[in-house]
């Protein structure tokens, strides 16, 4: 997860499934701001339901979540 995050150059928050039940139950909207990057990565590794999907990892490309225009632009058939 850490290597994907570093390769993506995206904010770490983009890797969280902010619509998910667990994200809401843990009140992560308020808690993430006070957590270190390492703590956030460890939390993501504890439960796959916290991770936003889909994730595409290819060479030097990491896309998180489906945004049609972004995928069209960056993923060549």
N, C-alpha and C. Protein backbone atom coordinates (compact mmCIF):
# COMPACT_ATOMS: atom_id res chain seq x y z
N UNK A 1 0.83 -1.18 0.00
CA UNK A 1 0.00 0.00 0.00
C UNK A 1 0.88 1.25 0.00
N UNK A 2 1.94 1.20 0.78
CA UNK A 2 2.82 2.37 0.86
C UNK A 2 3.48 2.66 -0.48
N UNK A 3 3.93 1.64 -1.17
CA UNK A 3 4.58 1.87 -2.47
C UNK A 3 3.57 2.39 -3.48
N UNK A 4 2.33 1.90 -3.44
CA UNK A 4 1.29 2.42 -4.34
C UNK A 4 1.03 3.89 -4.05
N UNK A 5 0.93 4.21 -2.77
CA UNK A 5 0.69 5.60 -2.37
C UNK A 5 1.81 6.51 -2.87
N UNK A 6 3.05 6.11 -2.64
CA UNK A 6 4.19 6.93 -3.05
C UNK A 6 4.25 7.06 -4.57
N UNK A 7 3.96 5.99 -5.27
CA UNK A 7 3.99 6.00 -6.74
C UNK A 7 2.87 6.87 -7.31
N UNK A 8 1.75 6.92 -6.63
CA UNK A 8 0.57 7.62 -7.14
C UNK A 8 0.70 9.14 -7.12
N UNK A 9 1.46 9.67 -6.17
CA UNK A 9 1.57 11.11 -5.95
C UNK A 9 0.21 11.74 -5.61
N UNK A 10 -0.70 10.94 -5.08
CA UNK A 10 -2.02 11.41 -4.65
C UNK A 10 -2.01 11.65 -3.16
N UNK A 11 -2.92 12.48 -2.67
CA UNK A 11 -3.06 12.61 -1.21
C UNK A 11 -3.49 11.25 -0.64
N UNK A 12 -3.00 10.91 0.52
CA UNK A 12 -3.31 9.62 1.13
C UNK A 12 -4.81 9.45 1.35
N UNK A 13 -5.51 10.53 1.60
CA UNK A 13 -6.95 10.46 1.84
C UNK A 13 -7.68 9.85 0.64
N UNK A 14 -7.14 9.99 -0.57
CA UNK A 14 -7.78 9.42 -1.76
C UNK A 14 -7.84 7.90 -1.71
N UNK A 15 -7.02 7.27 -0.88
CA UNK A 15 -7.02 5.82 -0.77
C UNK A 15 -8.10 5.30 0.18
N UNK A 16 -8.74 6.20 0.91
CA UNK A 16 -9.78 5.79 1.86
C UNK A 16 -11.15 5.77 1.19
N UNK A 17 -11.91 4.73 1.49
CA UNK A 17 -13.28 4.62 1.04
C UNK A 17 -14.14 5.48 1.97
N UNK A 18 -14.24 6.75 1.64
CA UNK A 18 -14.93 7.71 2.53
C UNK A 18 -16.44 7.49 2.58
N UNK A 19 -16.97 6.67 1.69
CA UNK A 19 -18.40 6.35 1.70
C UNK A 19 -18.71 5.10 2.50
N UNK A 20 -17.66 4.41 2.92
CA UNK A 20 -17.85 3.12 3.58
C UNK A 20 -18.33 3.21 5.01
N UNK A 21 -18.99 2.15 5.42
CA UNK A 21 -19.54 2.03 6.77
C UNK A 21 -18.45 2.12 7.85
N UNK A 22 -17.36 1.41 7.63
CA UNK A 22 -16.29 1.38 8.63
C UNK A 22 -15.64 2.75 8.78
N UNK A 23 -15.42 3.44 7.65
CA UNK A 23 -14.85 4.79 7.67
C UNK A 23 -15.71 5.69 8.55
N UNK A 24 -17.01 5.58 8.39
CA UNK A 24 -17.94 6.41 9.18
C UNK A 24 -17.98 5.98 10.64
N UNK A 25 -18.03 4.66 10.87
CA UNK A 25 -18.07 4.15 12.25
C UNK A 25 -16.85 4.57 13.05
N UNK A 26 -15.69 4.61 12.39
CA UNK A 26 -14.45 4.99 13.08
C UNK A 26 -14.24 6.50 13.13
N UNK A 27 -15.19 7.26 12.58
CA UNK A 27 -15.13 8.72 12.55
C UNK A 27 -13.81 9.21 11.94
N UNK A 28 -13.41 8.56 10.86
CA UNK A 28 -12.12 8.87 10.25
C UNK A 28 -12.09 10.26 9.61
N UNK A 29 -13.25 10.77 9.26
CA UNK A 29 -13.30 12.13 8.71
C UNK A 29 -12.61 13.11 9.66
N UNK A 30 -12.82 12.93 10.93
CA UNK A 30 -12.24 13.81 11.95
C UNK A 30 -10.90 13.31 12.48
N UNK A 31 -10.69 12.01 12.46
CA UNK A 31 -9.49 11.44 13.06
C UNK A 31 -8.26 11.48 12.15
N UNK A 32 -8.46 11.39 10.82
CA UNK A 32 -7.32 11.32 9.91
C UNK A 32 -6.40 12.52 10.01
N UNK A 33 -6.95 13.70 10.26
CA UNK A 33 -6.14 14.92 10.30
C UNK A 33 -5.08 14.88 11.40
N UNK A 34 -5.35 14.14 12.47
CA UNK A 34 -4.40 14.08 13.57
C UNK A 34 -3.52 12.82 13.53
N UNK A 35 -3.72 11.99 12.51
CA UNK A 35 -2.94 10.75 12.40
C UNK A 35 -1.74 10.98 11.49
N UNK A 36 -0.64 10.31 11.80
CA UNK A 36 0.54 10.39 10.94
C UNK A 36 0.28 9.58 9.66
N UNK A 37 1.10 9.82 8.67
CA UNK A 37 1.02 9.08 7.42
C UNK A 37 1.17 7.59 7.69
N UNK A 38 2.12 7.23 8.53
CA UNK A 38 2.37 5.81 8.85
C UNK A 38 1.15 5.19 9.53
N UNK A 39 0.53 5.91 10.45
CA UNK A 39 -0.67 5.40 11.13
C UNK A 39 -1.81 5.19 10.13
N UNK A 40 -1.96 6.11 9.19
CA UNK A 40 -3.01 5.98 8.19
C UNK A 40 -2.77 4.77 7.29
N UNK A 41 -1.52 4.57 6.88
CA UNK A 41 -1.18 3.41 6.05
C UNK A 41 -1.42 2.11 6.80
N UNK A 42 -1.08 2.07 8.07
CA UNK A 42 -1.32 0.88 8.89
C UNK A 42 -2.81 0.59 9.00
N UNK A 43 -3.60 1.65 9.17
CA UNK A 43 -5.04 1.49 9.26
C UNK A 43 -5.62 0.94 7.95
N UNK A 44 -5.17 1.47 6.83
CA UNK A 44 -5.62 0.96 5.53
C UNK A 44 -5.30 -0.52 5.38
N UNK A 45 -4.17 -0.94 5.91
CA UNK A 45 -3.74 -2.34 5.79
C UNK A 45 -4.55 -3.28 6.69
N UNK A 46 -5.26 -2.74 7.67
CA UNK A 46 -6.00 -3.59 8.60
C UNK A 46 -7.32 -4.08 8.06
N UNK A 47 -7.91 -3.34 7.12
CA UNK A 47 -9.24 -3.71 6.64
C UNK A 47 -9.44 -3.25 5.20
N UNK A 48 -9.61 -4.20 4.31
CA UNK A 48 -9.81 -3.88 2.90
C UNK A 48 -11.03 -3.03 2.63
N UNK A 49 -12.00 -3.03 3.55
CA UNK A 49 -13.20 -2.21 3.35
C UNK A 49 -12.91 -0.72 3.52
N UNK A 50 -11.76 -0.38 4.07
CA UNK A 50 -11.37 1.03 4.20
C UNK A 50 -10.76 1.58 2.92
N UNK A 51 -10.38 0.69 2.02
CA UNK A 51 -9.66 1.08 0.81
C UNK A 51 -10.62 1.38 -0.33
N UNK A 52 -10.44 2.54 -0.92
CA UNK A 52 -11.24 2.93 -2.08
C UNK A 52 -10.89 2.03 -3.26
N UNK A 53 -11.90 1.62 -4.00
CA UNK A 53 -11.70 0.75 -5.15
C UNK A 53 -12.40 1.35 -6.35
N UNK A 54 -12.04 0.98 -7.53
CA UNK A 54 -10.94 0.09 -7.89
C UNK A 54 -9.59 0.80 -7.78
N UNK A 55 -8.55 0.00 -7.70
CA UNK A 55 -7.18 0.52 -7.75
C UNK A 55 -6.50 -0.17 -8.93
N UNK A 56 -5.93 0.65 -9.80
CA UNK A 56 -5.18 0.13 -10.94
C UNK A 56 -3.72 0.46 -10.71
N UNK A 57 -2.87 -0.56 -10.70
CA UNK A 57 -1.44 -0.39 -10.54
C UNK A 57 -0.78 -0.96 -11.79
N UNK A 58 -0.07 -0.10 -12.51
CA UNK A 58 0.55 -0.51 -13.77
C UNK A 58 1.81 0.31 -13.97
N UNK A 59 2.95 -0.35 -14.05
CA UNK A 59 4.23 0.33 -14.24
C UNK A 59 4.35 1.49 -13.25
N UNK A 60 4.39 2.72 -13.74
CA UNK A 60 4.50 3.89 -12.87
C UNK A 60 3.18 4.62 -12.73
N UNK A 61 2.08 3.90 -12.85
CA UNK A 61 0.75 4.49 -12.79
C UNK A 61 -0.07 3.83 -11.69
N UNK A 62 -0.70 4.65 -10.86
CA UNK A 62 -1.63 4.16 -9.86
C UNK A 62 -2.87 5.04 -9.93
N UNK A 63 -4.01 4.42 -10.21
CA UNK A 63 -5.28 5.14 -10.22
C UNK A 63 -6.14 4.58 -9.10
N UNK A 64 -6.78 5.48 -8.35
CA UNK A 64 -7.59 5.09 -7.21
C UNK A 64 -9.00 5.61 -7.41
N UNK A 65 -9.98 4.71 -7.33
CA UNK A 65 -11.36 5.10 -7.58
C UNK A 65 -11.57 5.27 -9.07
N UNK A 66 -12.80 5.16 -9.50
CA UNK A 66 -13.07 5.26 -10.93
C UNK A 66 -13.60 6.65 -11.27
N UNK A 67 -12.77 7.38 -12.00
CA UNK A 67 -13.17 8.66 -12.57
C UNK A 67 -12.96 8.49 -14.07
N UNK A 68 -14.06 8.37 -14.80
CA UNK A 68 -14.01 7.99 -16.21
C UNK A 68 -13.03 8.81 -17.03
N UNK A 69 -13.06 10.12 -16.89
CA UNK A 69 -12.17 10.96 -17.69
C UNK A 69 -10.70 10.70 -17.38
N UNK A 70 -10.40 10.55 -16.10
CA UNK A 70 -9.02 10.27 -15.69
C UNK A 70 -8.54 8.94 -16.28
N UNK A 71 -9.39 7.92 -16.22
CA UNK A 71 -9.03 6.61 -16.74
C UNK A 71 -8.85 6.66 -18.25
N UNK A 72 -9.73 7.36 -18.95
CA UNK A 72 -9.60 7.49 -20.41
C UNK A 72 -8.30 8.17 -20.77
N UNK A 73 -7.94 9.18 -20.02
CA UNK A 73 -6.74 9.96 -20.29
C UNK A 73 -5.46 9.16 -20.03
N UNK A 74 -5.45 8.40 -18.95
CA UNK A 74 -4.21 7.76 -18.51
C UNK A 74 -4.05 6.30 -18.90
N UNK A 75 -5.14 5.63 -19.23
CA UNK A 75 -5.06 4.22 -19.60
C UNK A 75 -5.30 4.10 -21.10
N UNK A 76 -4.25 3.79 -21.80
CA UNK A 76 -4.33 3.65 -23.26
C UNK A 76 -4.62 2.20 -23.61
N UNK A 77 -5.61 1.96 -24.49
CA UNK A 77 -5.92 0.57 -24.89
C UNK A 77 -4.81 -0.04 -25.74
